[in-house]
N, C-alpha and C. Protein backbone atom coordinates (compact mmCIF):
# COMPACT_ATOMS: atom_id res chain seq x y z
N MET A 1 0.85 -1.18 0.00
CA MET A 1 0.00 0.00 0.00
C MET A 1 0.89 1.24 0.00
N SER A 2 0.51 2.22 -0.77
CA SER A 2 1.29 3.46 -0.87
C SER A 2 0.97 4.40 0.29
N ALA A 3 1.72 5.46 0.34
CA ALA A 3 1.53 6.47 1.39
C ALA A 3 0.15 7.12 1.25
N ASP A 4 -0.34 7.64 2.33
CA ASP A 4 -1.64 8.33 2.36
C ASP A 4 -1.61 9.51 1.40
N PRO A 5 -2.51 9.55 0.41
CA PRO A 5 -2.51 10.65 -0.55
C PRO A 5 -3.15 11.93 -0.05
N THR A 6 -3.73 11.88 1.14
CA THR A 6 -4.39 13.06 1.69
C THR A 6 -3.35 14.10 2.05
N PRO A 7 -3.49 15.31 1.54
CA PRO A 7 -2.49 16.35 1.86
C PRO A 7 -2.59 16.76 3.32
N ASP A 8 -1.51 17.27 3.82
CA ASP A 8 -1.45 17.77 5.19
C ASP A 8 -2.33 19.02 5.27
N PRO A 9 -3.41 19.01 6.07
CA PRO A 9 -4.30 20.17 6.12
C PRO A 9 -3.62 21.44 6.64
N LEU A 10 -2.57 21.29 7.42
CA LEU A 10 -1.87 22.47 7.93
C LEU A 10 -1.04 23.17 6.87
N LYS A 11 -0.83 22.50 5.73
CA LYS A 11 -0.07 23.10 4.64
C LYS A 11 -0.99 23.57 3.51
N SER A 12 -2.25 23.63 3.77
CA SER A 12 -3.23 24.01 2.76
C SER A 12 -3.13 25.49 2.41
N ASP A 13 -3.25 25.81 1.13
CA ASP A 13 -3.30 27.21 0.70
C ASP A 13 -4.51 27.92 1.29
N TYR A 14 -5.56 27.17 1.55
CA TYR A 14 -6.79 27.74 2.12
C TYR A 14 -6.49 28.47 3.44
N LEU A 15 -5.62 27.90 4.23
CA LEU A 15 -5.32 28.49 5.54
C LEU A 15 -4.60 29.82 5.44
N GLN A 16 -4.05 30.13 4.28
CA GLN A 16 -3.35 31.39 4.08
C GLN A 16 -4.26 32.50 3.58
N ARG A 17 -5.48 32.16 3.22
CA ARG A 17 -6.40 33.15 2.66
C ARG A 17 -6.79 34.18 3.73
N PRO A 18 -6.79 35.46 3.38
CA PRO A 18 -7.16 36.51 4.35
C PRO A 18 -8.58 36.36 4.89
N ASP A 19 -9.50 35.83 4.09
CA ASP A 19 -10.89 35.75 4.52
C ASP A 19 -11.16 34.65 5.54
N VAL A 20 -10.17 33.83 5.86
CA VAL A 20 -10.38 32.79 6.88
C VAL A 20 -9.58 33.05 8.15
N GLN A 21 -8.78 34.10 8.16
CA GLN A 21 -7.90 34.34 9.30
C GLN A 21 -8.66 34.55 10.62
N GLY A 22 -9.78 35.21 10.58
CA GLY A 22 -10.57 35.42 11.80
C GLY A 22 -11.09 34.12 12.37
N TYR A 23 -11.53 33.24 11.51
CA TYR A 23 -12.07 31.95 11.96
C TYR A 23 -10.96 31.09 12.55
N LEU A 24 -9.80 31.15 11.93
CA LEU A 24 -8.66 30.41 12.46
C LEU A 24 -8.23 30.97 13.81
N LEU A 25 -8.32 32.30 13.96
CA LEU A 25 -7.96 32.90 15.24
C LEU A 25 -8.92 32.45 16.34
N VAL A 26 -10.20 32.33 16.02
CA VAL A 26 -11.17 31.86 17.02
C VAL A 26 -10.75 30.48 17.52
N LEU A 27 -10.39 29.59 16.61
CA LEU A 27 -9.95 28.25 17.02
C LEU A 27 -8.67 28.33 17.85
N GLU A 28 -7.75 29.18 17.43
CA GLU A 28 -6.50 29.35 18.17
C GLU A 28 -6.74 29.85 19.59
N VAL A 29 -7.61 30.84 19.72
CA VAL A 29 -7.87 31.41 21.05
C VAL A 29 -8.61 30.40 21.92
N LEU A 30 -9.53 29.64 21.36
CA LEU A 30 -10.20 28.61 22.16
C LEU A 30 -9.18 27.59 22.67
N ARG A 31 -8.20 27.28 21.87
CA ARG A 31 -7.15 26.33 22.29
C ARG A 31 -6.26 26.95 23.35
N ASP A 32 -6.02 28.23 23.26
CA ASP A 32 -5.24 28.93 24.28
C ASP A 32 -6.05 29.04 25.58
N TRP A 33 -7.34 29.27 25.45
CA TRP A 33 -8.22 29.39 26.63
C TRP A 33 -8.19 28.09 27.41
N ASP A 34 -8.41 26.95 26.79
CA ASP A 34 -8.25 25.59 27.33
C ASP A 34 -8.49 25.46 28.84
N PRO A 35 -9.71 25.69 29.31
CA PRO A 35 -9.96 25.69 30.75
C PRO A 35 -9.77 24.33 31.43
N ILE A 36 -9.83 23.25 30.68
CA ILE A 36 -9.64 21.94 31.32
C ILE A 36 -8.25 21.37 31.07
N GLY A 37 -7.43 22.10 30.34
CA GLY A 37 -6.02 21.72 30.17
C GLY A 37 -5.79 20.46 29.35
N VAL A 38 -6.53 20.29 28.26
CA VAL A 38 -6.39 19.06 27.49
C VAL A 38 -5.79 19.26 26.09
N ILE A 39 -5.55 20.50 25.71
CA ILE A 39 -5.02 20.73 24.37
C ILE A 39 -3.57 20.27 24.31
N SER A 40 -3.29 19.49 23.27
CA SER A 40 -1.94 18.98 23.05
C SER A 40 -1.72 18.85 21.55
N ALA A 41 -0.56 18.36 21.18
CA ALA A 41 -0.27 18.18 19.76
C ALA A 41 -1.22 17.18 19.11
N THR A 42 -1.72 16.25 19.88
CA THR A 42 -2.62 15.23 19.33
C THR A 42 -4.09 15.51 19.61
N ASN A 43 -4.38 16.44 20.48
CA ASN A 43 -5.77 16.80 20.81
C ASN A 43 -5.92 18.30 20.67
N ARG A 44 -6.32 18.73 19.49
CA ARG A 44 -6.43 20.17 19.23
C ARG A 44 -7.86 20.62 19.00
N ASP A 45 -8.81 19.72 18.96
CA ASP A 45 -10.18 20.10 18.57
C ASP A 45 -11.19 20.05 19.70
N GLU A 46 -10.75 19.98 20.92
CA GLU A 46 -11.65 19.83 22.07
C GLU A 46 -12.73 20.91 22.12
N TYR A 47 -12.39 22.14 21.78
CA TYR A 47 -13.32 23.26 21.92
C TYR A 47 -13.85 23.78 20.59
N ASP A 48 -13.49 23.15 19.50
CA ASP A 48 -13.86 23.64 18.17
C ASP A 48 -15.37 23.79 18.00
N HIS A 49 -16.15 22.94 18.65
CA HIS A 49 -17.60 23.01 18.48
C HIS A 49 -18.22 24.25 19.13
N TYR A 50 -17.44 25.00 19.91
CA TYR A 50 -17.93 26.26 20.47
C TYR A 50 -17.70 27.43 19.50
N ALA A 51 -16.90 27.22 18.48
CA ALA A 51 -16.53 28.30 17.56
C ALA A 51 -17.73 28.93 16.85
N PRO A 52 -18.68 28.16 16.31
CA PRO A 52 -19.79 28.82 15.59
C PRO A 52 -20.58 29.81 16.45
N GLU A 53 -20.88 29.44 17.67
CA GLU A 53 -21.62 30.37 18.54
C GLU A 53 -20.77 31.59 18.88
N LEU A 54 -19.51 31.37 19.11
CA LEU A 54 -18.60 32.48 19.41
C LEU A 54 -18.49 33.41 18.20
N ILE A 55 -18.41 32.86 17.01
CA ILE A 55 -18.34 33.67 15.80
C ILE A 55 -19.62 34.48 15.62
N ARG A 56 -20.77 33.89 15.92
CA ARG A 56 -22.03 34.65 15.83
C ARG A 56 -22.00 35.84 16.79
N MET A 57 -21.47 35.62 18.00
CA MET A 57 -21.37 36.72 18.97
C MET A 57 -20.45 37.82 18.45
N LEU A 58 -19.32 37.41 17.92
CA LEU A 58 -18.35 38.38 17.40
C LEU A 58 -18.94 39.15 16.23
N ASP A 59 -19.63 38.45 15.34
CA ASP A 59 -20.27 39.13 14.21
C ASP A 59 -21.35 40.10 14.67
N ALA A 60 -21.98 39.81 15.80
CA ALA A 60 -23.02 40.69 16.35
C ALA A 60 -22.40 41.82 17.19
N ARG A 61 -21.07 41.90 17.19
CA ARG A 61 -20.33 42.94 17.90
C ARG A 61 -20.46 42.87 19.41
N ALA A 62 -20.48 41.65 19.93
CA ALA A 62 -20.52 41.47 21.38
C ALA A 62 -19.28 42.11 22.00
N SER A 63 -19.44 42.64 23.18
CA SER A 63 -18.31 43.27 23.88
C SER A 63 -17.36 42.20 24.41
N SER A 64 -16.14 42.61 24.69
CA SER A 64 -15.18 41.66 25.26
C SER A 64 -15.65 41.20 26.63
N ALA A 65 -16.31 42.07 27.38
CA ALA A 65 -16.84 41.67 28.69
C ALA A 65 -17.89 40.57 28.53
N PHE A 66 -18.78 40.72 27.54
CA PHE A 66 -19.81 39.71 27.31
C PHE A 66 -19.18 38.38 26.90
N VAL A 67 -18.23 38.43 25.97
CA VAL A 67 -17.57 37.20 25.51
C VAL A 67 -16.81 36.56 26.66
N GLY A 68 -16.13 37.36 27.46
CA GLY A 68 -15.40 36.82 28.62
C GLY A 68 -16.33 36.12 29.59
N GLU A 69 -17.45 36.74 29.89
CA GLU A 69 -18.42 36.11 30.80
C GLU A 69 -19.02 34.85 30.19
N TRP A 70 -19.20 34.84 28.87
CA TRP A 70 -19.70 33.64 28.19
C TRP A 70 -18.70 32.50 28.34
N LEU A 71 -17.42 32.80 28.17
CA LEU A 71 -16.38 31.77 28.33
C LEU A 71 -16.36 31.25 29.77
N ILE A 72 -16.48 32.15 30.72
CA ILE A 72 -16.48 31.76 32.13
C ILE A 72 -17.69 30.88 32.43
N ASP A 73 -18.86 31.30 31.94
CA ASP A 73 -20.08 30.51 32.15
C ASP A 73 -19.96 29.13 31.51
N LEU A 74 -19.40 29.10 30.34
CA LEU A 74 -19.20 27.83 29.63
C LEU A 74 -18.36 26.88 30.47
N ALA A 75 -17.26 27.38 30.99
CA ALA A 75 -16.36 26.54 31.79
C ALA A 75 -17.00 26.13 33.12
N ALA A 76 -17.63 27.08 33.78
CA ALA A 76 -18.19 26.81 35.11
C ALA A 76 -19.46 25.98 35.07
N ASN A 77 -20.36 26.31 34.16
CA ASN A 77 -21.67 25.66 34.18
C ASN A 77 -21.84 24.54 33.18
N HIS A 78 -21.18 24.61 32.06
CA HIS A 78 -21.34 23.54 31.06
C HIS A 78 -20.26 22.49 31.18
N MET A 79 -19.08 22.90 31.64
CA MET A 79 -17.99 21.94 31.85
C MET A 79 -17.88 21.54 33.31
N ALA A 80 -18.66 22.20 34.16
CA ALA A 80 -18.72 21.93 35.59
C ALA A 80 -17.36 22.04 36.29
N LEU A 81 -16.58 23.04 35.88
CA LEU A 81 -15.29 23.24 36.53
C LEU A 81 -15.47 24.02 37.82
N SER A 82 -14.77 23.62 38.84
CA SER A 82 -14.87 24.32 40.12
C SER A 82 -13.98 25.56 40.14
N PHE A 83 -12.94 25.58 39.30
CA PHE A 83 -12.09 26.76 39.18
C PHE A 83 -12.03 27.18 37.72
N VAL A 84 -12.26 28.46 37.50
CA VAL A 84 -12.15 29.04 36.16
C VAL A 84 -11.25 30.26 36.27
N ASP A 85 -10.24 30.32 35.45
CA ASP A 85 -9.34 31.48 35.44
C ASP A 85 -10.06 32.62 34.72
N LYS A 86 -10.73 33.45 35.50
CA LYS A 86 -11.54 34.53 34.93
C LYS A 86 -10.68 35.56 34.21
N HIS A 87 -9.53 35.86 34.76
CA HIS A 87 -8.64 36.84 34.14
C HIS A 87 -8.20 36.34 32.76
N HIS A 88 -7.81 35.08 32.68
CA HIS A 88 -7.39 34.50 31.40
C HIS A 88 -8.56 34.47 30.42
N SER A 89 -9.74 34.14 30.89
CA SER A 89 -10.92 34.11 30.02
C SER A 89 -11.19 35.49 29.43
N HIS A 90 -11.06 36.53 30.25
CA HIS A 90 -11.28 37.89 29.77
C HIS A 90 -10.17 38.34 28.82
N ARG A 91 -8.94 37.91 29.07
CA ARG A 91 -7.85 38.25 28.13
C ARG A 91 -8.11 37.60 26.77
N CYS A 92 -8.56 36.36 26.78
CA CYS A 92 -8.89 35.68 25.52
C CYS A 92 -10.02 36.41 24.80
N ALA A 93 -11.01 36.83 25.55
CA ALA A 93 -12.14 37.56 24.96
C ALA A 93 -11.68 38.88 24.36
N GLU A 94 -10.80 39.59 25.04
CA GLU A 94 -10.29 40.85 24.52
C GLU A 94 -9.51 40.62 23.23
N ARG A 95 -8.71 39.58 23.21
CA ARG A 95 -7.94 39.27 22.00
C ARG A 95 -8.89 39.01 20.82
N LEU A 96 -9.94 38.25 21.08
CA LEU A 96 -10.91 37.94 20.03
C LEU A 96 -11.64 39.18 19.54
N THR A 97 -12.20 39.94 20.46
CA THR A 97 -13.02 41.08 20.03
C THR A 97 -12.18 42.16 19.36
N GLU A 98 -10.99 42.41 19.85
CA GLU A 98 -10.13 43.41 19.22
C GLU A 98 -9.76 42.99 17.81
N PHE A 99 -9.34 41.73 17.66
CA PHE A 99 -8.99 41.26 16.32
C PHE A 99 -10.20 41.28 15.40
N TRP A 100 -11.34 40.79 15.90
CA TRP A 100 -12.52 40.65 15.05
C TRP A 100 -12.98 42.01 14.52
N ARG A 101 -12.98 43.01 15.38
CA ARG A 101 -13.41 44.34 14.94
C ARG A 101 -12.47 44.90 13.90
N ALA A 102 -11.18 44.72 14.10
CA ALA A 102 -10.21 45.21 13.12
C ALA A 102 -10.31 44.40 11.83
N TRP A 103 -10.48 43.11 11.94
CA TRP A 103 -10.56 42.24 10.77
C TRP A 103 -11.80 42.51 9.93
N LYS A 104 -12.93 42.75 10.62
CA LYS A 104 -14.18 43.01 9.93
C LYS A 104 -14.34 44.49 9.58
N GLY A 105 -13.44 45.32 10.09
CA GLY A 105 -13.52 46.74 9.79
C GLY A 105 -14.64 47.45 10.53
N LYS A 106 -14.94 47.01 11.74
CA LYS A 106 -16.02 47.61 12.53
C LYS A 106 -15.46 48.34 13.72
């Protein structure tokens, strides 16, 4: 059997397109946020399913405070974590909202 013909997705030209950079940043920030500490080289998609809702909030021009509280609520109430780094959650939210507004030109 020959080598896997599937190209490496991380080397895709698609990932270099300007119109996808915001979406990629959302995934990157969710991985940085990582409230349960599970992101690794082999597990990078743990929080990806939260991206669509987060993108809708960003497109609706949600404030960084709102996004930060959403991340905190997600970790505390949906993931049932007893400790949530609120400061880190708010820093992640600020990074997202600042980039999103500049990226979307709002």
